Structure formats: C-alpha cells, structure tokens
Amino acid sequence: MQRSVIHTQRAPQAIGTYSQAVKSGNTVYLSGQIPLVPETMELVEGDMEAQVRRVFDNLSAVCEAAGGSLAEIIKLNIFLTDLGHFPLVNQVMAEYFREPYPARAAVGVAALPKDAAVEMDAVLVLDD
C-alpha cells in the first residue's frame, strides 16, 4: 500500500527522525504532539490548560493538513507526567470533541521531550 507524508507549517516541525503524520489508504497516523508553538518551537507559556489546548490545536492542524479534522480521530493516546491533570484533560477535550468520542488511553510517564507535561498522538480515519 502506498503511503504519503503529511506536513504543515501550522504545527511544530519534527524535532527528530519522524514525520508529523503518515497517510496510508484512508488512515492517518499522527505523531506525538507536545505543546510547542509552531512559530517559535518553544513550549507555550502558561499553565497546564494552555499546554493541553496547544496540543489539541497542534493535532487539529495536522488533521486538517491530512484533509480531516479532530472529529475523525478514532484513537487518541495521552501521555501525562502527572496523572493529577487527567480531569483537566477531560474538561478541555470536551471542548474539542463531540460524541462519539475516540477510543483513548491515558498513560503516566516519567518525562517527555523538552520537559513538556503532556503529549498526544492519534489515529485518524478519513471518510472515503
């Protein structure tokens, strides 16, 4: 099956040997996004809510570059350095997603790139 790389300037550039997303058929695999501001490649300023919103905005930009939207995410993985932020993630996620919600995992981790407190990756399935 053929695959294509998805890239947008509206999301942070890859900081390693990976693509922002890869499309195979009508499935798009989105790489992990941390709360980097695309224009500066620095962590967003502000509290944890600002970090969570920035990650959802980054994921949204990559979804749009692939021809989709957050509504077409079927699987979302959330990585948190402090699982105490899980209720906040749920609160903010409810503003970005509507039912039916994607399948989801939330995992506590020791550390994330650039000392971010949250990272998310996703699988998107585009309509035929």
N, C-alpha and C. Protein backbone atom coordinates (compact mmCIF):
# COMPACT_ATOMS: atom_id res chain seq x y z
N MET A 1 0.84 -1.18 0.00
CA MET A 1 0.00 0.00 0.00
C MET A 1 0.89 1.25 0.00
N GLN A 2 0.46 2.22 -0.76
CA GLN A 2 1.21 3.46 -0.85
C GLN A 2 0.99 4.31 0.39
N ARG A 3 2.00 5.06 0.77
CA ARG A 3 1.88 5.97 1.90
C ARG A 3 2.41 7.34 1.51
N SER A 4 1.88 8.35 2.19
CA SER A 4 2.33 9.71 1.92
C SER A 4 2.54 10.44 3.25
N VAL A 5 3.46 11.37 3.23
CA VAL A 5 3.80 12.15 4.42
C VAL A 5 2.92 13.39 4.46
N ILE A 6 2.40 13.68 5.64
CA ILE A 6 1.59 14.88 5.87
C ILE A 6 2.46 15.90 6.59
N HIS A 7 2.40 17.14 6.11
CA HIS A 7 3.24 18.20 6.69
C HIS A 7 2.48 19.52 6.65
N THR A 8 2.58 20.28 7.73
CA THR A 8 2.00 21.62 7.77
C THR A 8 2.88 22.55 8.59
N GLN A 9 2.93 23.80 8.20
CA GLN A 9 3.64 24.82 8.96
C GLN A 9 2.83 25.26 10.18
N ARG A 10 1.55 24.87 10.24
CA ARG A 10 0.67 25.28 11.34
C ARG A 10 0.84 24.41 12.58
N ALA A 11 1.71 23.42 12.50
CA ALA A 11 2.04 22.57 13.65
C ALA A 11 3.56 22.56 13.79
N PRO A 12 4.07 22.23 14.97
CA PRO A 12 5.52 22.21 15.16
C PRO A 12 6.21 21.26 14.18
N GLN A 13 7.37 21.68 13.74
CA GLN A 13 8.17 20.84 12.85
C GLN A 13 8.72 19.67 13.64
N ALA A 14 8.97 18.57 12.97
CA ALA A 14 9.53 17.39 13.63
C ALA A 14 10.87 17.75 14.27
N ILE A 15 11.09 17.27 15.49
CA ILE A 15 12.35 17.54 16.18
C ILE A 15 13.20 16.27 16.24
N GLY A 16 12.97 15.40 15.30
CA GLY A 16 13.70 14.15 15.22
C GLY A 16 13.45 13.48 13.89
N THR A 17 13.73 12.21 13.85
CA THR A 17 13.61 11.45 12.61
C THR A 17 12.20 10.85 12.48
N TYR A 18 11.23 11.73 12.27
CA TYR A 18 9.85 11.30 12.10
C TYR A 18 9.11 12.35 11.29
N SER A 19 7.92 12.00 10.84
CA SER A 19 7.03 12.92 10.11
C SER A 19 5.91 13.36 11.03
N GLN A 20 5.30 14.51 10.75
CA GLN A 20 4.16 14.96 11.55
C GLN A 20 3.04 13.92 11.48
N ALA A 21 2.85 13.33 10.31
CA ALA A 21 1.85 12.28 10.13
C ALA A 21 2.19 11.52 8.86
N VAL A 22 1.67 10.29 8.79
CA VAL A 22 1.82 9.47 7.60
C VAL A 22 0.45 8.90 7.25
N LYS A 23 0.08 9.05 5.97
CA LYS A 23 -1.20 8.55 5.49
C LYS A 23 -0.98 7.27 4.70
N SER A 24 -1.78 6.26 5.00
CA SER A 24 -1.78 5.00 4.27
C SER A 24 -3.23 4.64 4.01
N GLY A 25 -3.62 4.63 2.75
CA GLY A 25 -5.03 4.45 2.43
C GLY A 25 -5.81 5.63 2.99
N ASN A 26 -6.88 5.36 3.73
CA ASN A 26 -7.63 6.46 4.33
C ASN A 26 -7.33 6.62 5.82
N THR A 27 -6.25 5.97 6.28
CA THR A 27 -5.83 6.05 7.68
C THR A 27 -4.62 6.96 7.79
N VAL A 28 -4.66 7.86 8.77
CA VAL A 28 -3.56 8.79 9.01
C VAL A 28 -3.06 8.56 10.43
N TYR A 29 -1.77 8.33 10.55
CA TYR A 29 -1.12 8.12 11.85
C TYR A 29 -0.42 9.42 12.22
N LEU A 30 -0.90 10.08 13.27
CA LEU A 30 -0.35 11.36 13.71
C LEU A 30 0.71 11.12 14.78
N SER A 31 1.88 11.68 14.56
CA SER A 31 2.95 11.59 15.55
C SER A 31 2.59 12.37 16.79
N GLY A 32 3.28 12.08 17.86
CA GLY A 32 3.04 12.77 19.12
C GLY A 32 3.26 14.26 19.00
N GLN A 33 2.36 15.01 19.61
CA GLN A 33 2.47 16.47 19.67
C GLN A 33 2.63 16.88 21.12
N ILE A 34 3.61 17.73 21.35
CA ILE A 34 3.77 18.35 22.66
C ILE A 34 3.36 19.82 22.50
N PRO A 35 3.24 20.58 23.58
CA PRO A 35 2.71 21.94 23.47
C PRO A 35 3.71 22.97 22.95
N LEU A 36 4.27 22.69 21.79
CA LEU A 36 5.17 23.65 21.15
C LEU A 36 4.37 24.63 20.30
N VAL A 37 4.76 25.89 20.35
CA VAL A 37 4.19 26.90 19.47
C VAL A 37 4.90 26.76 18.13
N PRO A 38 4.17 26.52 17.03
CA PRO A 38 4.81 26.26 15.74
C PRO A 38 5.78 27.35 15.29
N GLU A 39 5.44 28.60 15.53
CA GLU A 39 6.27 29.71 15.05
C GLU A 39 7.59 29.83 15.79
N THR A 40 7.63 29.43 17.06
CA THR A 40 8.84 29.61 17.86
C THR A 40 9.53 28.30 18.22
N MET A 41 8.78 27.19 18.12
CA MET A 41 9.26 25.88 18.52
C MET A 41 9.65 25.86 20.00
N GLU A 42 9.01 26.71 20.78
CA GLU A 42 9.17 26.76 22.23
C GLU A 42 7.86 26.30 22.88
N LEU A 43 7.96 25.80 24.12
CA LEU A 43 6.75 25.42 24.84
C LEU A 43 5.85 26.64 25.02
N VAL A 44 4.55 26.43 24.91
CA VAL A 44 3.60 27.51 25.11
C VAL A 44 3.75 28.03 26.54
N GLU A 45 3.58 29.33 26.69
CA GLU A 45 3.61 29.91 28.03
C GLU A 45 2.26 29.71 28.69
N GLY A 46 2.27 29.59 30.00
CA GLY A 46 1.02 29.47 30.72
C GLY A 46 0.94 28.20 31.52
N ASP A 47 -0.25 27.93 32.00
CA ASP A 47 -0.49 26.80 32.88
C ASP A 47 -0.74 25.51 32.10
N MET A 48 -1.13 24.48 32.83
CA MET A 48 -1.37 23.18 32.21
C MET A 48 -2.50 23.25 31.19
N GLU A 49 -3.51 24.04 31.46
CA GLU A 49 -4.61 24.17 30.50
C GLU A 49 -4.09 24.71 29.16
N ALA A 50 -3.20 25.68 29.21
CA ALA A 50 -2.61 26.23 27.99
C ALA A 50 -1.83 25.15 27.24
N GLN A 51 -1.14 24.28 27.98
CA GLN A 51 -0.40 23.20 27.33
C GLN A 51 -1.34 22.21 26.64
N VAL A 52 -2.41 21.83 27.32
CA VAL A 52 -3.36 20.87 26.74
C VAL A 52 -4.01 21.47 25.50
N ARG A 53 -4.42 22.73 25.57
CA ARG A 53 -5.04 23.38 24.42
C ARG A 53 -4.07 23.46 23.24
N ARG A 54 -2.82 23.77 23.51
CA ARG A 54 -1.83 23.87 22.43
C ARG A 54 -1.66 22.52 21.74
N VAL A 55 -1.64 21.45 22.53
CA VAL A 55 -1.51 20.11 21.93
C VAL A 55 -2.71 19.81 21.04
N PHE A 56 -3.93 20.09 21.51
CA PHE A 56 -5.11 19.85 20.68
C PHE A 56 -5.08 20.72 19.43
N ASP A 57 -4.62 21.96 19.55
CA ASP A 57 -4.50 22.84 18.37
C ASP A 57 -3.49 22.28 17.38
N ASN A 58 -2.37 21.77 17.88
CA ASN A 58 -1.36 21.18 17.00
C ASN A 58 -1.91 19.94 16.29
N LEU A 59 -2.58 19.07 17.04
CA LEU A 59 -3.18 17.88 16.42
C LEU A 59 -4.20 18.29 15.38
N SER A 60 -5.01 19.29 15.68
CA SER A 60 -6.02 19.76 14.74
C SER A 60 -5.39 20.24 13.44
N ALA A 61 -4.29 20.98 13.54
CA ALA A 61 -3.61 21.48 12.34
C ALA A 61 -3.11 20.33 11.46
N VAL A 62 -2.59 19.29 12.07
CA VAL A 62 -2.10 18.14 11.30
C VAL A 62 -3.29 17.39 10.68
N CYS A 63 -4.38 17.24 11.44
CA CYS A 63 -5.58 16.60 10.88
C CYS A 63 -6.06 17.36 9.65
N GLU A 64 -6.12 18.68 9.75
CA GLU A 64 -6.58 19.50 8.62
C GLU A 64 -5.64 19.37 7.43
N ALA A 65 -4.34 19.30 7.67
CA ALA A 65 -3.38 19.13 6.58
C ALA A 65 -3.59 17.79 5.87
N ALA A 66 -4.11 16.82 6.60
CA ALA A 66 -4.37 15.50 6.02
C ALA A 66 -5.73 15.43 5.34
N GLY A 67 -6.52 16.51 5.44
CA GLY A 67 -7.84 16.52 4.83
C GLY A 67 -8.95 16.12 5.78
N GLY A 68 -8.69 16.14 7.08
CA GLY A 68 -9.68 15.73 8.06
C GLY A 68 -9.81 16.73 9.18
N SER A 69 -10.29 16.23 10.31
CA SER A 69 -10.47 17.08 11.48
C SER A 69 -10.38 16.20 12.73
N LEU A 70 -10.37 16.84 13.88
CA LEU A 70 -10.35 16.09 15.13
C LEU A 70 -11.53 15.13 15.23
N ALA A 71 -12.64 15.47 14.60
CA ALA A 71 -13.84 14.62 14.66
C ALA A 71 -13.62 13.25 14.05
N GLU A 72 -12.60 13.12 13.22
CA GLU A 72 -12.34 11.84 12.56
C GLU A 72 -11.26 11.01 13.25
N ILE A 73 -10.78 11.49 14.39
CA ILE A 73 -9.82 10.70 15.17
C ILE A 73 -10.57 9.52 15.77
N ILE A 74 -10.01 8.33 15.56
CA ILE A 74 -10.64 7.13 16.13
C ILE A 74 -9.91 6.62 17.36
N LYS A 75 -8.64 7.02 17.52
CA LYS A 75 -7.83 6.58 18.67
C LYS A 75 -6.94 7.73 19.08
N LEU A 76 -6.98 8.06 20.37
CA LEU A 76 -6.16 9.14 20.92
C LEU A 76 -5.38 8.59 22.10
N ASN A 77 -4.09 8.83 22.11
CA ASN A 77 -3.23 8.44 23.23
C ASN A 77 -2.74 9.70 23.91
N ILE A 78 -2.88 9.74 25.23
CA ILE A 78 -2.47 10.90 26.02
C ILE A 78 -1.39 10.46 27.00
N PHE A 79 -0.31 11.19 27.03
CA PHE A 79 0.80 10.91 27.94
C PHE A 79 0.96 12.12 28.86
N LEU A 80 0.91 11.86 30.16
CA LEU A 80 1.00 12.93 31.16
C LEU A 80 2.12 12.63 32.15
N THR A 81 2.87 13.66 32.51
CA THR A 81 3.89 13.47 33.54
C THR A 81 3.27 13.51 34.93
N ASP A 82 2.02 13.95 35.03
CA ASP A 82 1.30 13.97 36.30
C ASP A 82 -0.16 13.60 36.01
N LEU A 83 -0.56 12.40 36.40
CA LEU A 83 -1.93 11.96 36.14
C LEU A 83 -2.96 12.76 36.92
N GLY A 84 -2.52 13.60 37.84
CA GLY A 84 -3.42 14.51 38.52
C GLY A 84 -4.07 15.52 37.57
N HIS A 85 -3.47 15.67 36.37
CA HIS A 85 -4.02 16.59 35.37
C HIS A 85 -5.09 15.93 34.50
N PHE A 86 -5.37 14.65 34.75
CA PHE A 86 -6.34 13.93 33.93
C PHE A 86 -7.72 14.59 33.90
N PRO A 87 -8.27 15.05 35.03
CA PRO A 87 -9.58 15.73 34.97
C PRO A 87 -9.55 16.98 34.09
N LEU A 88 -8.46 17.74 34.12
CA LEU A 88 -8.34 18.92 33.27
C LEU A 88 -8.32 18.53 31.80
N VAL A 89 -7.60 17.46 31.47
CA VAL A 89 -7.56 16.99 30.08
C VAL A 89 -8.98 16.64 29.63
N ASN A 90 -9.73 15.95 30.47
CA ASN A 90 -11.12 15.61 30.12
C ASN A 90 -11.95 16.87 29.88
N GLN A 91 -11.79 17.85 30.75
CA GLN A 91 -12.55 19.10 30.63
C GLN A 91 -12.24 19.80 29.30
N VAL A 92 -10.97 19.94 28.98
CA VAL A 92 -10.58 20.63 27.75
C VAL A 92 -10.96 19.78 26.53
N MET A 93 -10.78 18.47 26.62
CA MET A 93 -11.11 17.59 25.50
C MET A 93 -12.58 17.72 25.13
N ALA A 94 -13.44 17.92 26.11
CA ALA A 94 -14.88 18.06 25.85
C ALA A 94 -15.19 19.29 25.00
N GLU A 95 -14.29 20.26 24.98
CA GLU A 95 -14.47 21.44 24.14
C GLU A 95 -14.02 21.20 22.70
N TYR A 96 -13.13 20.24 22.50
CA TYR A 96 -12.58 19.96 21.18
C TYR A 96 -13.27 18.79 20.47
N PHE A 97 -13.91 17.91 21.22
CA PHE A 97 -14.51 16.70 20.65
C PHE A 97 -15.99 16.62 21.02
N ARG A 98 -16.74 15.97 20.16
CA ARG A 98 -18.16 15.68 20.41
C ARG A 98 -18.35 14.17 20.27
N GLU A 99 -19.43 13.66 20.83
CA GLU A 99 -19.74 12.23 20.69
C GLU A 99 -20.00 11.90 19.24
N PRO A 100 -19.63 10.75 18.77
CA PRO A 100 -18.96 9.69 19.53
C PRO A 100 -17.48 10.03 19.71
N TYR A 101 -17.01 9.90 20.94
CA TYR A 101 -15.62 10.19 21.26
C TYR A 101 -14.71 9.10 20.72
N PRO A 102 -13.44 9.45 20.49
CA PRO A 102 -12.50 8.41 20.04
C PRO A 102 -12.17 7.44 21.18
N ALA A 103 -11.70 6.26 20.81
CA ALA A 103 -11.10 5.38 21.81
C ALA A 103 -9.89 6.14 22.35
N ARG A 104 -9.52 5.87 23.61
CA ARG A 104 -8.46 6.68 24.22
C ARG A 104 -7.71 5.91 25.28
N ALA A 105 -6.45 6.25 25.42
CA ALA A 105 -5.64 5.77 26.53
C ALA A 105 -4.98 6.98 27.17
N ALA A 106 -4.80 6.93 28.48
CA ALA A 106 -4.07 7.96 29.21
C ALA A 106 -3.00 7.25 30.02
N VAL A 107 -1.77 7.67 29.82
CA VAL A 107 -0.64 6.97 30.41
C VAL A 107 0.22 7.96 31.20
N GLY A 108 0.58 7.60 32.40
CA GLY A 108 1.51 8.40 33.19
C GLY A 108 2.93 8.04 32.79
N VAL A 109 3.74 9.06 32.53
CA VAL A 109 5.13 8.85 32.12
C VAL A 109 6.06 9.67 33.00
N ALA A 110 7.31 9.27 33.04
CA ALA A 110 8.29 9.96 33.88
C ALA A 110 8.72 11.30 33.29
N ALA A 111 8.83 11.37 31.97
CA ALA A 111 9.30 12.59 31.32
C ALA A 111 8.88 12.59 29.86
N LEU A 112 8.84 13.80 29.28
CA LEU A 112 8.50 13.98 27.87
C LEU A 112 9.52 14.93 27.24
N PRO A 113 9.61 14.94 25.90
CA PRO A 113 10.57 15.83 25.24
C PRO A 113 10.39 17.28 25.66
N LYS A 114 11.49 17.99 25.77
CA LYS A 114 11.52 19.42 26.11
C LYS A 114 10.85 19.73 27.44
N ASP A 115 10.78 18.74 28.33
CA ASP A 115 10.15 18.88 29.65
C ASP A 115 8.67 19.26 29.58
N ALA A 116 8.01 18.87 28.49
CA ALA A 116 6.57 19.09 28.37
C ALA A 116 5.85 18.26 29.43
N ALA A 117 4.65 18.67 29.80
CA ALA A 117 3.86 17.94 30.79
C ALA A 117 2.83 17.03 30.12
N VAL A 118 2.62 17.21 28.80
CA VAL A 118 1.61 16.43 28.08
C VAL A 118 2.07 16.20 26.64
N GLU A 119 1.74 15.04 26.13
CA GLU A 119 1.95 14.71 24.72
C GLU A 119 0.77 13.85 24.28
N MET A 120 0.37 14.01 23.03
CA MET A 120 -0.72 13.19 22.48
C MET A 120 -0.37 12.79 21.07
N ASP A 121 -0.75 11.55 20.72
CA ASP A 121 -0.72 11.11 19.33
C ASP A 121 -2.08 10.52 18.99
N ALA A 122 -2.31 10.26 17.72
CA ALA A 122 -3.66 9.83 17.33
C ALA A 122 -3.64 9.06 16.02
N VAL A 123 -4.75 8.37 15.79
CA VAL A 123 -5.02 7.72 14.52
C VAL A 123 -6.31 8.33 13.98
N LEU A 124 -6.26 8.76 12.74
CA LEU A 124 -7.35 9.45 12.08
C LEU A 124 -7.80 8.59 10.89
N VAL A 125 -9.09 8.40 10.72
CA VAL A 125 -9.59 7.70 9.53
C VAL A 125 -10.46 8.67 8.76
N LEU A 126 -10.03 8.95 7.51
CA LEU A 126 -10.73 9.89 6.66
C LEU A 126 -11.92 9.21 5.99
N ASP A 127 -12.99 9.98 5.77
CA ASP A 127 -14.13 9.45 5.05
C ASP A 127 -13.71 9.12 3.62
N ASP A 128 -14.31 8.08 3.07
CA ASP A 128 -14.00 7.71 1.68
C ASP A 128 -14.50 8.74 0.70
